[in-house]
Each structure stands twice: as structure tokens, then as C-alpha cells.
PDB file of N, CA and C in Angstrom:
ATOM      1  N   LEU A   1    -366.379 -60.794  54.993  1.00  0.00           N
ATOM      2  CA  LEU A   1    -366.496 -60.525  56.943  1.00  0.00           C
ATOM      3  C   LEU A   1    -367.289 -61.745  57.404  1.00  0.00           C
ATOM      4  N   GLY A   2    -367.608 -62.576  56.428  1.00  0.00           N
ATOM      5  CA  GLY A   2    -368.780 -63.552  58.019  1.00  0.00           C
ATOM      6  C   GLY A   2    -367.629 -64.425  58.680  1.00  0.00           C
ATOM      7  N   GLY A   3    -366.232 -64.564  58.291  1.00  0.00           N
ATOM      8  CA  GLY A   3    -365.447 -65.558  58.232  1.00  0.00           C
ATOM      9  C   GLY A   3    -364.342 -65.239  59.033  1.00  0.00           C
ATOM     10  N   ALA A   4    -364.061 -63.144  59.167  1.00  0.00           N
ATOM     11  CA  ALA A   4    -363.371 -62.587  59.904  1.00  0.00           C
ATOM     12  C   ALA A   4    -364.306 -62.745  60.866  1.00  0.00           C
ATOM     13  N   ASN A   5    -365.192 -62.381  60.668  1.00  0.00           N
ATOM     14  CA  ASN A   5    -365.903 -62.523  62.051  1.00  0.00           C
ATOM     15  C   ASN A   5    -366.425 -63.518  63.624  1.00  0.00           C
ATOM     16  N   ALA A   6    -366.597 -64.631  62.654  1.00  0.00           N
ATOM     17  CA  ALA A   6    -366.134 -65.781  63.141  1.00  0.00           C
ATOM     18  C   ALA A   6    -365.141 -65.958  63.897  1.00  0.00           C
ATOM     19  N   PHE A   7    -363.923 -66.044  62.856  1.00  0.00           N
ATOM     20  CA  PHE A   7    -362.315 -66.177  63.983  1.00  0.00           C
ATOM     21  C   PHE A   7    -362.694 -65.037  65.118  1.00  0.00           C
ATOM     22  N   VAL A   8    -362.715 -64.330  64.757  1.00  0.00           N
ATOM     23  CA  VAL A   8    -362.129 -63.133  65.645  1.00  0.00           C
ATOM     24  C   VAL A   8    -363.383 -63.768  67.071  1.00  0.00           C
ATOM     25  N   SER A   9    -364.450 -63.968  67.290  1.00  0.00           N
ATOM     26  CA  SER A   9    -365.524 -64.258  67.526  1.00  0.00           C
ATOM     27  C   SER A   9    -365.042 -65.533  68.753  1.00  0.00           C
ATOM     28  N   GLU A  10    -364.618 -66.545  67.957  1.00  0.00           N
ATOM     29  CA  GLU A  10    -363.426 -67.219  68.454  1.00  0.00           C
ATOM     30  C   GLU A  10    -362.516 -67.119  69.323  1.00  0.00           C
ATOM     31  N   HIS A  11    -361.627 -66.243  68.648  1.00  0.00           N
ATOM     32  CA  HIS A  11    -360.101 -66.336  69.743  1.00  0.00           C
ATOM     33  C   HIS A  11    -360.581 -64.432  70.913  1.00  0.00           C
ATOM     34  N   ALA A  12    -361.656 -64.605  70.647  1.00  0.00           N
ATOM     35  CA  ALA A  12    -361.716 -63.656  71.448  1.00  0.00           C
ATOM     36  C   ALA A  12    -362.571 -63.881  73.149  1.00  0.00           C
ATOM     37  N   PRO A  13    -362.194 -63.218  74.100  1.00  0.00           N
ATOM     38  CA  PRO A  13    -362.913 -64.089  75.532  1.00  0.00           C
ATOM     39  C   PRO A  13    -364.462 -63.506  74.918  1.00  0.00           C
ATOM     40  N   ALA A  14    -365.209 -64.434  75.806  1.00  0.00           N
ATOM     41  CA  ALA A  14    -366.384 -64.498  75.863  1.00  0.00           C
ATOM     42  C   ALA A  14    -366.816 -63.273  76.343  1.00  0.00           C
ATOM     43  N   HIS A  15    -366.718 -62.296  77.452  1.00  0.00           N
ATOM     44  CA  HIS A  15    -366.720 -61.511  78.355  1.00  0.00           C
ATOM     45  C   HIS A  15    -366.573 -60.584  76.895  1.00  0.00           C
ATOM     46  N   ARG A  16    -366.371 -60.133  76.361  1.00  0.00           N
ATOM     47  CA  ARG A  16    -365.424 -58.746  74.905  1.00  0.00           C
ATOM     48  C   ARG A  16    -365.517 -59.426  73.789  1.00  0.00           C
ATOM     49  N   ARG A  17    -366.690 -60.342  73.185  1.00  0.00           N
ATOM     50  CA  ARG A  17    -366.705 -60.719  71.885  1.00  0.00           C
ATOM     51  C   ARG A  17    -367.566 -59.958  70.621  1.00  0.00           C
ATOM     52  N   ALA A  18    -368.434 -59.333  71.724  1.00  0.00           N
ATOM     53  CA  ALA A  18    -369.586 -58.221  70.586  1.00  0.00           C
ATOM     54  C   ALA A  18    -368.105 -57.253  70.100  1.00  0.00           C
ATOM     55  N   PHE A  19    -367.372 -56.683  71.276  1.00  0.00           N
ATOM     56  CA  PHE A  19    -366.197 -55.258  70.972  1.00  0.00           C
ATOM     57  C   PHE A  19    -366.002 -56.051  70.285  1.00  0.00           C
ATOM     58  N   HIS A  20    -364.783 -57.070  70.556  1.00  0.00           N
ATOM     59  CA  HIS A  20    -364.014 -57.434  69.037  1.00  0.00           C
ATOM     60  C   HIS A  20    -364.346 -57.722  67.777  1.00  0.00           C
ATOM     61  N   THR A  21    -365.160 -58.312  67.778  1.00  0.00           N
ATOM     62  CA  THR A  21    -366.186 -58.455  65.944  1.00  0.00           C
ATOM     63  C   THR A  21    -366.107 -57.213  65.888  1.00  0.00           C
ATOM     64  N   SER A  22    -366.594 -56.192  66.759  1.00  0.00           N
ATOM     65  CA  SER A  22    -367.069 -54.469  66.482  1.00  0.00           C
ATOM     66  C   SER A  22    -365.984 -54.243  65.201  1.00  0.00           C
ATOM     67  N   PHE A  23    -364.043 -54.532  65.613  1.00  0.00           N
ATOM     68  CA  PHE A  23    -363.320 -53.849  64.634  1.00  0.00           C
ATOM     69  C   PHE A  23    -363.403 -54.619  63.046  1.00  0.00           C
ATOM     70  N   VAL A  24    -363.645 -56.012  63.469  1.00  0.00           N
ATOM     71  CA  VAL A  24    -364.103 -56.200  61.841  1.00  0.00           C
ATOM     72  C   VAL A  24    -364.745 -55.175  60.900  1.00  0.00           C
ATOM     73  N   ASN A  25    -365.807 -54.598  61.529  1.00  0.00           N
ATOM     74  CA  ASN A  25    -366.530 -54.449  61.112  1.00  0.00           C
ATOM     75  C   ASN A  25    -366.296 -52.536  60.687  1.00  0.00           C
ATOM     76  N   THR A  26    -365.384 -52.184  61.865  1.00  0.00           N
ATOM     77  CA  THR A  26    -365.110 -51.346  61.087  1.00  0.00           C
ATOM     78  C   THR A  26    -364.105 -50.925  59.936  1.00  0.00           C
ATOM     79  N   GLY A  27    -362.888 -51.805  60.934  1.00  0.00           N
ATOM     80  CA  GLY A  27    -362.554 -51.568  59.620  1.00  0.00           C
ATOM     81  C   GLY A  27    -363.136 -51.672  58.302  1.00  0.00           C
ATOM     82  N   THR A  28    -364.022 -52.667  57.754  1.00  0.00           N
ATOM     83  CA  THR A  28    -364.334 -52.124  56.766  1.00  0.00           C
ATOM     84  C   THR A  28    -364.824 -50.823  55.767  1.00  0.00           C
ATOM     85  N   TYR A  29    -365.002 -50.324  56.965  1.00  0.00           N
ATOM     86  CA  TYR A  29    -365.659 -48.441  57.226  1.00  0.00           C
ATOM     87  C   TYR A  29    -364.151 -48.019  56.901  1.00  0.00           C
ATOM     88  N   LEU A  30    -363.064 -48.074  57.415  1.00  0.00           N
ATOM     89  CA  LEU A  30    -361.726 -47.997  58.182  1.00  0.00           C
ATOM     90  C   LEU A  30    -361.494 -47.711  56.488  1.00  0.00           C
ATOM     91  N   GLY A  31    -361.177 -49.421  55.933  1.00  0.00           N
ATOM     92  CA  GLY A  31    -360.587 -49.484  54.510  1.00  0.00           C
ATOM     93  C   GLY A  31    -361.612 -48.524  53.335  1.00  0.00           C
ATOM     94  N   SER A  32    -362.609 -48.152  53.735  1.00  0.00           N
ATOM     95  CA  SER A  32    -362.932 -47.976  52.615  1.00  0.00           C
ATOM     96  C   SER A  32    -363.051 -46.052  52.670  1.00  0.00           C
ATOM     97  N   LEU A  33    -362.513 -45.798  53.779  1.00  0.00           N
ATOM     98  CA  LEU A  33    -361.946 -44.448  53.567  1.00  0.00           C
ATOM     99  C   LEU A  33    -360.435 -44.351  53.702  1.00  0.00           C
ATOM    100  N   VAL A  34    -359.682 -44.648  53.726  1.00  0.00           N
ATOM    101  CA  VAL A  34    -358.531 -45.326  53.483  1.00  0.00           C
ATOM    102  C   VAL A  34    -358.609 -45.417  51.855  1.00  0.00           C
ATOM    103  N   ALA A  35    -359.007 -46.092  50.876  1.00  0.00           N
ATOM    104  CA  ALA A  35    -359.226 -46.416  49.528  1.00  0.00           C
ATOM    105  C   ALA A  35    -360.062 -44.482  49.358  1.00  0.00           C
ATOM    106  N   SER A  36    -360.536 -44.413  49.525  1.00  0.00           N
ATOM    107  CA  SER A  36    -360.954 -43.172  48.648  1.00  0.00           C
ATOM    108  C   SER A  36    -359.744 -41.695  48.980  1.00  0.00           C
ATOM    109  N   LEU A  37    -358.851 -41.345  50.686  1.00  0.00           N
ATOM    110  CA  LEU A  37    -357.644 -40.535  50.570  1.00  0.00           C
ATOM    111  C   LEU A  37    -357.108 -41.461  49.475  1.00  0.00           C
ATOM    112  N   VAL A  38    -356.553 -42.170  49.162  1.00  0.00           N
ATOM    113  CA  VAL A  38    -355.758 -42.925  48.392  1.00  0.00           C
ATOM    114  C   VAL A  38    -355.979 -42.308  47.245  1.00  0.00           C
ATOM    115  N   ALA A  39    -357.007 -42.102  46.580  1.00  0.00           N
ATOM    116  CA  ALA A  39    -358.162 -41.953  44.870  1.00  0.00           C
ATOM    117  C   ALA A  39    -358.254 -40.014  45.474  1.00  0.00           C
ATOM    118  N   LEU A  40    -357.749 -39.456  45.979  1.00  0.00           N
ATOM    119  CA  LEU A  40    -357.735 -37.930  46.557  1.00  0.00           C
ATOM    120  C   LEU A  40    -356.707 -37.972  45.946  1.00  0.00           C
ATOM    121  N   LEU A  41    -355.416 -38.394  47.139  1.00  0.00           N
ATOM    122  CA  LEU A  41    -354.215 -37.918  46.858  1.00  0.00           C
ATOM    123  C   LEU A  41    -354.154 -38.030  45.430  1.00  0.00           C
ATOM    124  N   LEU A  42    -353.972 -39.084  45.147  1.00  0.00           N
ATOM    125  CA  LEU A  42    -353.284 -39.525  43.314  1.00  0.00           C
ATOM    126  C   LEU A  42    -353.976 -38.618  42.636  1.00  0.00           C
ATOM    127  N   THR A  43    -355.357 -38.068  42.159  1.00  0.00           N
ATOM    128  CA  THR A  43    -355.876 -37.315  41.326  1.00  0.00           C
ATOM    129  C   THR A  43    -354.931 -35.968  41.518  1.00  0.00           C
ATOM    130  N   SER A  44    -354.439 -36.055  42.613  1.00  0.00           N
ATOM    131  CA  SER A  44    -354.292 -34.209  43.340  1.00  0.00           C
ATOM    132  C   SER A  44    -352.613 -34.163  43.116  1.00  0.00           C
ATOM    133  N   ALA A  45    -352.104 -35.070  42.509  1.00  0.00           N
ATOM    134  CA  ALA A  45    -350.609 -35.783  42.542  1.00  0.00           C
ATOM    135  C   ALA A  45    -350.942 -35.776  41.231  1.00  0.00           C
ATOM    136  N   VAL A  46    -351.619 -36.294  39.790  1.00  0.00           N
ATOM    137  CA  VAL A  46    -350.942 -36.151  39.491  1.00  0.00           C
ATOM    138  C   VAL A  46    -351.922 -36.048  38.181  1.00  0.00           C
ATOM    139  N   SER A  47    -351.618 -35.787  36.928  1.00  0.00           N
ATOM    140  CA  SER A  47    -353.091 -34.946  36.040  1.00  0.00           C
ATOM    141  C   SER A  47    -353.847 -36.130  35.492  1.00  0.00           C
ATOM    142  N   ALA A  48    -354.903 -35.350  35.106  1.00  0.00           N
ATOM    143  CA  ALA A  48    -355.696 -36.459  34.536  1.00  0.00           C
ATOM    144  C   ALA A  48    -355.177 -37.678  33.569  1.00  0.00           C
ATOM    145  N   GLU A  49    -354.241 -36.588  32.650  1.00  0.00           N
ATOM    146  CA  GLU A  49    -354.041 -37.773  31.264  1.00  0.00           C
ATOM    147  C   GLU A  49    -352.486 -39.186  31.998  1.00  0.00           C
ATOM    148  N   THR A  50    -351.901 -38.302  32.852  1.00  0.00           N
ATOM    149  CA  THR A  50    -350.915 -39.541  33.182  1.00  0.00           C
ATOM    150  C   THR A  50    -352.564 -40.740  34.371  1.00  0.00           C
ATOM    151  N   LEU A  51    -352.916 -40.257  34.973  1.00  0.00           N
ATOM    152  CA  LEU A  51    -353.979 -40.827  35.922  1.00  0.00           C
ATOM    153  C   LEU A  51    -355.113 -42.142  34.729  1.00  0.00           C
ATOM    154  N   HIS A  52    -354.919 -41.899  33.385  1.00  0.00           N
ATOM    155  CA  HIS A  52    -355.764 -42.326  32.823  1.00  0.00           C
ATOM    156  C   HIS A  52    -355.008 -43.302  31.995  1.00  0.00           C
ATOM    157  N   ASP A  53    -353.730 -43.053  31.680  1.00  0.00           N
ATOM    158  CA  ASP A  53    -352.727 -43.639  31.397  1.00  0.00           C
ATOM    159  C   ASP A  53    -352.080 -44.724  32.024  1.00  0.00           C
ATOM    160  N   TRP A  54    -352.267 -44.965  33.290  1.00  0.00           N
ATOM    161  CA  TRP A  54    -350.891 -45.909  33.944  1.00  0.00           C
ATOM    162  C   TRP A  54    -351.008 -45.632  35.807  1.00  0.00           C
ATOM    163  N   ALA A  55    -351.345 -44.308  35.961  1.00  0.00           N
ATOM    164  CA  ALA A  55    -351.281 -43.856  37.631  1.00  0.00           C
ATOM    165  C   ALA A  55    -353.059 -44.630  37.949  1.00  0.00           C
ATOM    166  N   TRP A  56    -353.027 -45.213  37.487  1.00  0.00           N
ATOM    167  CA  TRP A  56    -354.824 -45.858  38.289  1.00  0.00           C
ATOM    168  C   TRP A  56    -354.244 -47.420  38.530  1.00  0.00           C
ATOM    169  N   ARG A  57    -353.470 -47.839  38.064  1.00  0.00           N
ATOM    170  CA  ARG A  57    -352.902 -49.071  38.608  1.00  0.00           C
ATOM    171  C   ARG A  57    -352.429 -49.061  39.834  1.00  0.00           C
ATOM    172  N   ILE A  58    -351.946 -48.216  40.159  1.00  0.00           N
ATOM    173  CA  ILE A  58    -351.999 -47.379  41.532  1.00  0.00           C
ATOM    174  C   ILE A  58    -351.854 -48.857  42.786  1.00  0.00           C
ATOM    175  N   PRO A  59    -353.305 -47.654  43.311  1.00  0.00           N
ATOM    176  CA  PRO A  59    -353.772 -48.327  44.071  1.00  0.00           C
ATOM    177  C   PRO A  59    -353.680 -50.014  43.959  1.00  0.00           C
ATOM    178  N   PHE A  60    -354.308 -50.243  43.205  1.00  0.00           N
ATOM    179  CA  PHE A  60    -354.349 -51.747  42.708  1.00  0.00           C
ATOM    180  C   PHE A  60    -353.286 -52.835  43.171  1.00  0.00           C
ATOM    181  N   LEU A  61    -351.899 -51.878  43.029  1.00  0.00           N
ATOM    182  CA  LEU A  61    -350.737 -52.339  42.921  1.00  0.00           C
ATOM    183  C   LEU A  61    -350.653 -52.429  45.131  1.00  0.00           C
ATOM    184  N   LEU A  62    -350.701 -51.128  45.233  1.00  0.00           N
ATOM    185  CA  LEU A  62    -350.696 -51.306  46.354  1.00  0.00           C
ATOM    186  C   LEU A  62    -351.355 -52.186  47.846  1.00  0.00           C
ATOM    187  N   SER A  63    -353.082 -52.587  47.101  1.00  0.00           N
ATOM    188  CA  SER A  63    -353.804 -52.988  47.728  1.00  0.00           C
ATOM    189  C   SER A  63    -353.399 -54.739  47.440  1.00  0.00           C
ATOM    190  N   ALA A  64    -352.994 -54.923  46.605  1.00  0.00           N
ATOM    191  CA  ALA A  64    -352.163 -56.284  45.813  1.00  0.00           C
ATOM    192  C   ALA A  64    -350.578 -56.697  47.707  1.00  0.00           C
ATOM    193  N   VAL A  65    -350.297 -55.275  47.430  1.00  0.00           N
ATOM    194  CA  VAL A  65    -349.180 -55.238  48.658  1.00  0.00           C
ATOM    195  C   VAL A  65    -350.028 -55.901  50.382  1.00  0.00           C
ATOM    196  N   ILE A  66    -350.891 -54.985  50.636  1.00  0.00           N
ATOM    197  CA  ILE A  66    -351.374 -55.527  51.984  1.00  0.00           C
ATOM    198  C   ILE A  66    -352.328 -56.912  51.585  1.00  0.00           C
ATOM    199  N   GLY A  67    -352.843 -57.328  50.768  1.00  0.00           N
ATOM    200  CA  GLY A  67    -353.778 -58.216  50.536  1.00  0.00           C
ATOM    201  C   GLY A  67    -352.465 -59.441  50.614  1.00  0.00           C
ATOM    202  N   LEU A  68    -351.212 -59.387  50.603  1.00  0.00           N
ATOM    203  CA  LEU A  68    -350.186 -60.651  50.822  1.00  0.00           C
ATOM    204  C   LEU A  68    -349.423 -60.391  52.076  1.00  0.00           C
ATOM    205  N   ILE A  69    -349.172 -59.044  52.568  1.00  0.00           N
ATOM    206  CA  ILE A  69    -349.783 -58.984  53.802  1.00  0.00           C
ATOM    207  C   ILE A  69    -350.682 -59.585  55.215  1.00  0.00           C
ATOM    208  N   GLY A  70    -351.696 -59.339  54.507  1.00  0.00           N
ATOM    209  CA  GLY A  70    -353.053 -59.890  54.983  1.00  0.00           C
ATOM    210  C   GLY A  70    -352.485 -61.717  55.346  1.00  0.00           C
ATOM    211  N   LEU A  71    -352.603 -62.489  54.026  1.00  0.00           N
ATOM    212  CA  LEU A  71    -352.555 -63.481  53.868  1.00  0.00           C
ATOM    213  C   LEU A  71    -351.576 -64.362  54.471  1.00  0.00           C
ATOM    214  N   TYR A  72    -350.053 -63.648  54.972  1.00  0.00           N
ATOM    215  CA  TYR A  72    -349.235 -63.841  55.217  1.00  0.00           C
ATOM    216  C   TYR A  72    -349.543 -64.260  56.255  1.00  0.00           C
ATOM    217  N   ILE A  73    -350.233 -62.854  57.825  1.00  0.00           N
ATOM    218  CA  ILE A  73    -351.127 -63.035  59.075  1.00  0.00           C
ATOM    219  C   ILE A  73    -351.187 -63.838  59.583  1.00  0.00           C
ATOM    220  N   ARG A  74    -352.328 -64.292  58.321  1.00  0.00           N
ATOM    221  CA  ARG A  74    -353.611 -65.371  58.715  1.00  0.00           C
ATOM    222  C   ARG A  74    -352.780 -67.073  58.544  1.00  0.00           C
ATOM    223  N   SER A  75    -352.075 -67.139  58.058  1.00  0.00           N
ATOM    224  CA  SER A  75    -351.338 -67.728  58.221  1.00  0.00           C
ATOM    225  C   SER A  75    -350.537 -68.357  59.032  1.00  0.00           C
ATOM    226  N   GLN A  76    -350.419 -67.350  59.787  1.00  0.00           N
ATOM    227  CA  GLN A  76    -349.630 -67.816  61.275  1.00  0.00           C
ATOM    228  C   GLN A  76    -349.917 -67.693  62.054  1.00  0.00           C
ATOM    229  N   LEU A  77    -351.753 -67.523  62.058  1.00  0.00           N
ATOM    230  CA  LEU A  77    -352.583 -67.497  63.595  1.00  0.00           C
ATOM    231  C   LEU A  77    -352.609 -68.661  63.208  1.00  0.00           C
ATOM    232  N   PRO A  78    -352.674 -69.388  64.882  1.00  0.00           N
ATOM    233  CA  PRO A  78    -353.539 -71.176  65.054  1.00  0.00           C
ATOM    234  C   PRO A  78    -355.004 -70.828  64.859  1.00  0.00           C
ATOM    235  N   GLU A  79    -355.304 -72.147  64.549  1.00  0.00           N
ATOM    236  CA  GLU A  79    -357.021 -72.432  64.395  1.00  0.00           C
ATOM    237  C   GLU A  79    -357.616 -72.253  65.981  1.00  0.00           C
ATOM    238  N   THR A  80    -358.602 -72.001  65.954  1.00  0.00           N
ATOM    239  CA  THR A  80    -359.658 -71.515  67.377  1.00  0.00           C
ATOM    240  C   THR A  80    -360.034 -73.072  68.215  1.00  0.00           C
ATOM    241  N   GLU A  81    -359.263 -73.133  68.490  1.00  0.00           N
ATOM    242  CA  GLU A  81    -360.486 -74.592  69.796  1.00  0.00           C
ATOM    243  C   GLU A  81    -361.759 -75.050  69.507  1.00  0.00           C
ATOM    244  N   GLN A  82    -363.082 -73.861  69.452  1.00  0.00           N
ATOM    245  CA  GLN A  82    -363.814 -74.990  68.835  1.00  0.00           C
ATOM    246  C   GLN A  82    -363.491 -75.111  66.779  1.00  0.00           C
ATOM    247  N   PHE A  83    -362.850 -74.771  66.248  1.00  0.00           N
ATOM    248  CA  PHE A  83    -363.249 -74.841  64.885  1.00  0.00           C
ATOM    249  C   PHE A  83    -361.845 -75.934  65.292  1.00  0.00           C
ATOM    250  N   GLU A  84    -361.232 -76.597  65.262  1.00  0.00           N
ATOM    251  CA  GLU A  84    -360.007 -77.867  65.810  1.00  0.00           C
ATOM    252  C   GLU A  84    -361.737 -79.096  66.374  1.00  0.00           C
ATOM    253  N   ALA A  85    -362.228 -78.658  67.289  1.00  0.00           N
ATOM    254  CA  ALA A  85    -363.418 -79.332  67.771  1.00  0.00           C
ATOM    255  C   ALA A  85    -364.058 -79.994  66.812  1.00  0.00           C
ATOM    256  N   VAL A  86    -364.567 -78.962  66.098  1.00  0.00           N
ATOM    257  CA  VAL A  86    -365.591 -79.652  65.304  1.00  0.00           C
ATOM    258  C   VAL A  86    -364.912 -80.643  64.101  1.00  0.00           C
ATOM    259  N   GLN A  87    -363.406 -79.763  63.567  1.00  0.00           N
ATOM    260  CA  GLN A  87    -362.999 -80.868  62.557  1.00  0.00           C
ATOM    261  C   GLN A  87    -362.307 -81.910  63.562  1.00  0.00           C
ATOM    262  N   GLU A  88    -362.406 -81.942  64.307  1.00  0.00           N
ATOM    263  CA  GLU A  88    -362.212 -84.322  65.021  1.00  0.00           C
ATOM    264  C   GLU A  88    -363.143 -84.975  65.717  1.00  0.00           C
ATOM    265  N   SER A  89    -364.422 -84.159  65.403  1.00  0.00           N
ATOM    266  CA  SER A  89    -365.957 -84.960  65.665  1.00  0.00           C
ATOM    267  C   SER A  89    -366.326 -85.546  64.324  1.00  0.00           C
ATOM    268  N   ASP A  90    -367.099 -86.500  64.772  1.00  0.00           N
ATOM    269  CA  ASP A  90    -367.929 -87.123  63.660  1.00  0.00           C
ATOM    270  C   ASP A  90    -369.029 -86.611  63.147  1.00  0.00           C
ATOM    271  N   SER A  91    -369.350 -85.229  64.661  1.00  0.00           N
ATOM    272  CA  SER A  91    -370.902 -85.805  64.503  1.00  0.00           C
ATOM    273  C   SER A  91    -371.621 -84.297  63.233  1.00  0.00           C
ATOM    274  N   VAL A  92    -370.790 -83.423  62.872  1.00  0.00           N
ATOM    275  CA  VAL A  92    -370.707 -82.568  61.747  1.00  0.00           C
ATOM    276  C   VAL A  92    -370.627 -83.054  60.640  1.00  0.00           C
ATOM    277  N   GLU A  93    -372.045 -83.256  59.638  1.00  0.00           N
ATOM    278  CA  GLU A  93    -371.821 -83.731  57.735  1.00  0.00           C
ATOM    279  C   GLU A  93    -371.016 -82.841  57.183  1.00  0.00           C
ATOM    280  N   VAL A  94    -370.217 -83.010  56.371  1.00  0.00           N
ATOM    281  CA  VAL A  94    -369.815 -81.588  55.731  1.00  0.00           C
ATOM    282  C   VAL A  94    -370.408 -82.303  54.365  1.00  0.00           C
ATOM    283  N   ALA A  95    -371.170 -80.823  53.608  1.00  0.00           N
ATOM    284  CA  ALA A  95    -371.411 -81.935  52.361  1.00  0.00           C
ATOM    285  C   ALA A  95    -370.285 -81.805  51.156  1.00  0.00           C
ATOM    286  N   LYS A  96    -370.499 -82.527  50.943  1.00  0.00           N
ATOM    287  CA  LYS A  96    -370.284 -82.850  49.416  1.00  0.00           C
ATOM    288  C   LYS A  96    -369.614 -81.665  48.096  1.00  0.00           C
ATOM    289  N   TYR A  97    -371.204 -80.814  48.515  1.00  0.00           N
ATOM    290  CA  TYR A  97    -371.100 -80.144  47.059  1.00  0.00           C
ATOM    291  C   TYR A  97    -371.345 -78.768  48.344  1.00  0.00           C
ATOM    292  N   PRO A  98    -371.770 -77.895  48.449  1.00  0.00           N
ATOM    293  CA  PRO A  98    -372.250 -77.044  49.357  1.00  0.00           C
ATOM    294  C   PRO A  98    -373.408 -76.165  48.970  1.00  0.00           C
ATOM    295  N   ILE A  99    -372.163 -75.864  47.703  1.00  0.00           N
ATOM    296  CA  ILE A  99    -372.805 -75.232  47.178  1.00  0.00           C
ATOM    297  C   ILE A  99    -373.672 -75.272  46.434  1.00  0.00           C
ATOM    298  N   ALA A 100    -374.032 -77.097  45.809  1.00  0.00           N
ATOM    299  CA  ALA A 100    -375.748 -76.991  45.072  1.00  0.00           C
ATOM    300  C   ALA A 100    -376.814 -77.377  45.826  1.00  0.00           C
ATOM    301  N   ASP A 101    -375.685 -77.469  47.121  1.00  0.00           N
ATOM    302  CA  ASP A 101    -376.778 -77.618  48.269  1.00  0.00           C
ATOM    303  C   ASP A 101    -377.498 -76.233  48.227  1.00  0.00           C
ATOM    304  N   VAL A 102    -376.854 -75.295  48.361  1.00  0.00           N
ATOM    305  CA  VAL A 102    -377.616 -74.174  48.952  1.00  0.00           C
ATOM    306  C   VAL A 102    -378.475 -74.238  48.139  1.00  0.00           C
ATOM    307  N   PHE A 103    -378.264 -74.215  46.698  1.00  0.00           N
ATOM    308  CA  PHE A 103    -379.150 -73.586  45.684  1.00  0.00           C
ATOM    309  C   PHE A 103    -380.521 -74.741  45.611  1.00  0.00           C
ATOM    310  N   THR A 104    -379.976 -76.085  45.855  1.00  0.00           N
ATOM    311  CA  THR A 104    -381.115 -76.986  45.761  1.00  0.00           C
ATOM    312  C   THR A 104    -382.086 -76.767  46.960  1.00  0.00           C
ATOM    313  N   HIS A 105    -381.502 -76.579  48.351  1.00  0.00           N
ATOM    314  CA  HIS A 105    -382.865 -76.722  49.388  1.00  0.00           C
ATOM    315  C   HIS A 105    -383.138 -75.222  49.511  1.00  0.00           C
ATOM    316  N   ALA A 106    -382.506 -73.705  49.274  1.00  0.00           N
ATOM    317  CA  ALA A 106    -382.379 -72.693  49.474  1.00  0.00           C
ATOM    318  C   ALA A 106    -382.915 -71.597  48.113  1.00  0.00           C
ATOM    319  N   TRP A 107    -383.653 -71.954  47.801  1.00  0.00           N
ATOM    320  CA  TRP A 107    -383.861 -71.174  46.564  1.00  0.00           C
ATOM    321  C   TRP A 107    -384.678 -70.267  46.432  1.00  0.00           C
ATOM    322  N   ARG A 108    -385.470 -70.847  47.049  1.00  0.00           N
ATOM    323  CA  ARG A 108    -386.332 -69.220  47.549  1.00  0.00           C
ATOM    324  C   ARG A 108    -386.160 -68.801  48.526  1.00  0.00           C
ATOM    325  N   GLN A 109    -385.537 -68.619  49.161  1.00  0.00           N
ATOM    326  CA  GLN A 109    -384.454 -67.801  49.869  1.00  0.00           C
ATOM    327  C   GLN A 109    -383.666 -66.889  49.025  1.00  0.00           C
ATOM    328  N   ILE A 110    -382.840 -67.610  48.132  1.00  0.00           N
ATOM    329  CA  ILE A 110    -381.837 -66.402  47.147  1.00  0.00           C
ATOM    330  C   ILE A 110    -383.261 -65.716  46.287  1.00  0.00           C
ATOM    331  N   VAL A 111    -383.879 -66.152  45.301  1.00  0.00           N
ATOM    332  CA  VAL A 111    -384.360 -65.580  44.405  1.00  0.00           C
ATOM    333  C   VAL A 111    -385.293 -63.894  45.579  1.00  0.00           C
ATOM    334  N   LEU A 112    -385.783 -65.099  46.738  1.00  0.00           N
ATOM    335  CA  LEU A 112    -386.572 -63.371  47.487  1.00  0.00           C
ATOM    336  C   LEU A 112    -385.251 -62.475  48.020  1.00  0.00           C
ATOM    337  N   VAL A 113    -383.847 -63.105  48.355  1.00  0.00           N
ATOM    338  CA  VAL A 113    -382.547 -61.758  48.027  1.00  0.00           C
ATOM    339  C   VAL A 113    -382.290 -61.674  47.311  1.00  0.00           C
ATOM    340  N   ILE A 114    -382.516 -61.982  45.839  1.00  0.00           N
ATOM    341  CA  ILE A 114    -382.394 -60.935  44.905  1.00  0.00           C
ATOM    342  C   ILE A 114    -383.106 -60.332  44.291  1.00  0.00           C
ATOM    343  N   PHE A 115    -384.648 -60.030  44.763  1.00  0.00           N
ATOM    344  CA  PHE A 115    -385.474 -59.584  44.392  1.00  0.00           C
ATOM    345  C   PHE A 115    -385.824 -58.700  45.273  1.00  0.00           C
ATOM    346  N   LEU A 116    -385.847 -59.047  46.441  1.00  0.00           N
ATOM    347  CA  LEU A 116    -384.995 -57.268  47.586  1.00  0.00           C
ATOM    348  C   LEU A 116    -384.024 -56.230  47.334  1.00  0.00           C
ATOM    349  N   GLY A 117    -383.231 -57.478  47.199  1.00  0.00           N
ATOM    350  CA  GLY A 117    -381.854 -56.708  46.278  1.00  0.00           C
ATOM    351  C   GLY A 117    -382.075 -55.212  45.014  1.00  0.00           C
ATOM    352  N   ALA A 118    -383.251 -56.129  44.270  1.00  0.00           N
ATOM    353  CA  ALA A 118    -383.497 -55.663  43.456  1.00  0.00           C
ATOM    354  C   ALA A 118    -384.125 -54.132  43.187  1.00  0.00           C
ATOM    355  N   LEU A 119    -385.083 -54.124  44.292  1.00  0.00           N
ATOM    356  CA  LEU A 119    -386.197 -52.917  45.314  1.00  0.00           C
ATOM    357  C   LEU A 119    -385.103 -52.032  45.234  1.00  0.00           C
ATOM    358  N   ILE A 120    -383.642 -52.050  46.295  1.00  0.00           N
ATOM    359  CA  ILE A 120    -383.164 -50.680  46.533  1.00  0.00           C
ATOM    360  C   ILE A 120    -382.328 -50.216  45.243  1.00  0.00           C
ATOM    361  N   VAL A 121    -382.389 -50.615  44.015  1.00  0.00           N
ATOM    362  CA  VAL A 121    -381.194 -50.519  42.588  1.00  0.00           C
ATOM    363  C   VAL A 121    -382.495 -48.861  42.932  1.00  0.00           C
TER     364      VAL A 121
END
């Protein structure tokens, strides 16, 4: 979601950024609702045996189609002016191994987040 929020925020007019980015987060909840409805329809349309044999694959096939459509749409969208400006400038240092840098320099924060997440369980 972070990348989607950044992308939408960069494309949105300055005075409407919060409104536009709210749709990204709303889409997450709507996606969960649609997934629940698909599961409800599937369990009510087929028998338990059919569901366990092969019908459980149907939601995954539907999500693959939706994912390919989303990938196509994203590939057709232009990059934002801010992103292109950063790409062209030499002022931004790009890490050679960004994941390694995170674990090297922010390991305390990572451990803290893991333990805080464990408290929820």
C-alpha cells in the first residue's frame, strides 16, 4: 500500500491529496469485503465436497485475472513528475543493497516491531 499511496499522492492535486489517497486504503477494505462475498457465494453454490476437491481454486483464478488487469493498468500509467525529477537528479543516493542496509542500520527498530506485533497475538 505504501507505493500505491505515494503514487496516488504524487498524481493528486495538492489540495486534494488526502481525499485521493483515502481511496487506496478504502480499496483494501472493499477488497476484503468482495473476497468475503465470493467465499459466501462459492460455499452456497457448491457442495462441501466439490469445494474441497476443486472449487477452492476459483477465487485464486479470479484474483489472478484481476491482478493481471491491475498490472496492465499500472504499466500504462505515466510516472509522476516528482519521481522523474528524483530519478534525473544526482542528489539522491541509491543503496546498492537496500534490504541489507535496513537490517544493518535499523535492526533495533525491526526487533521492536516484531516484539510489539507478538504482543497482539
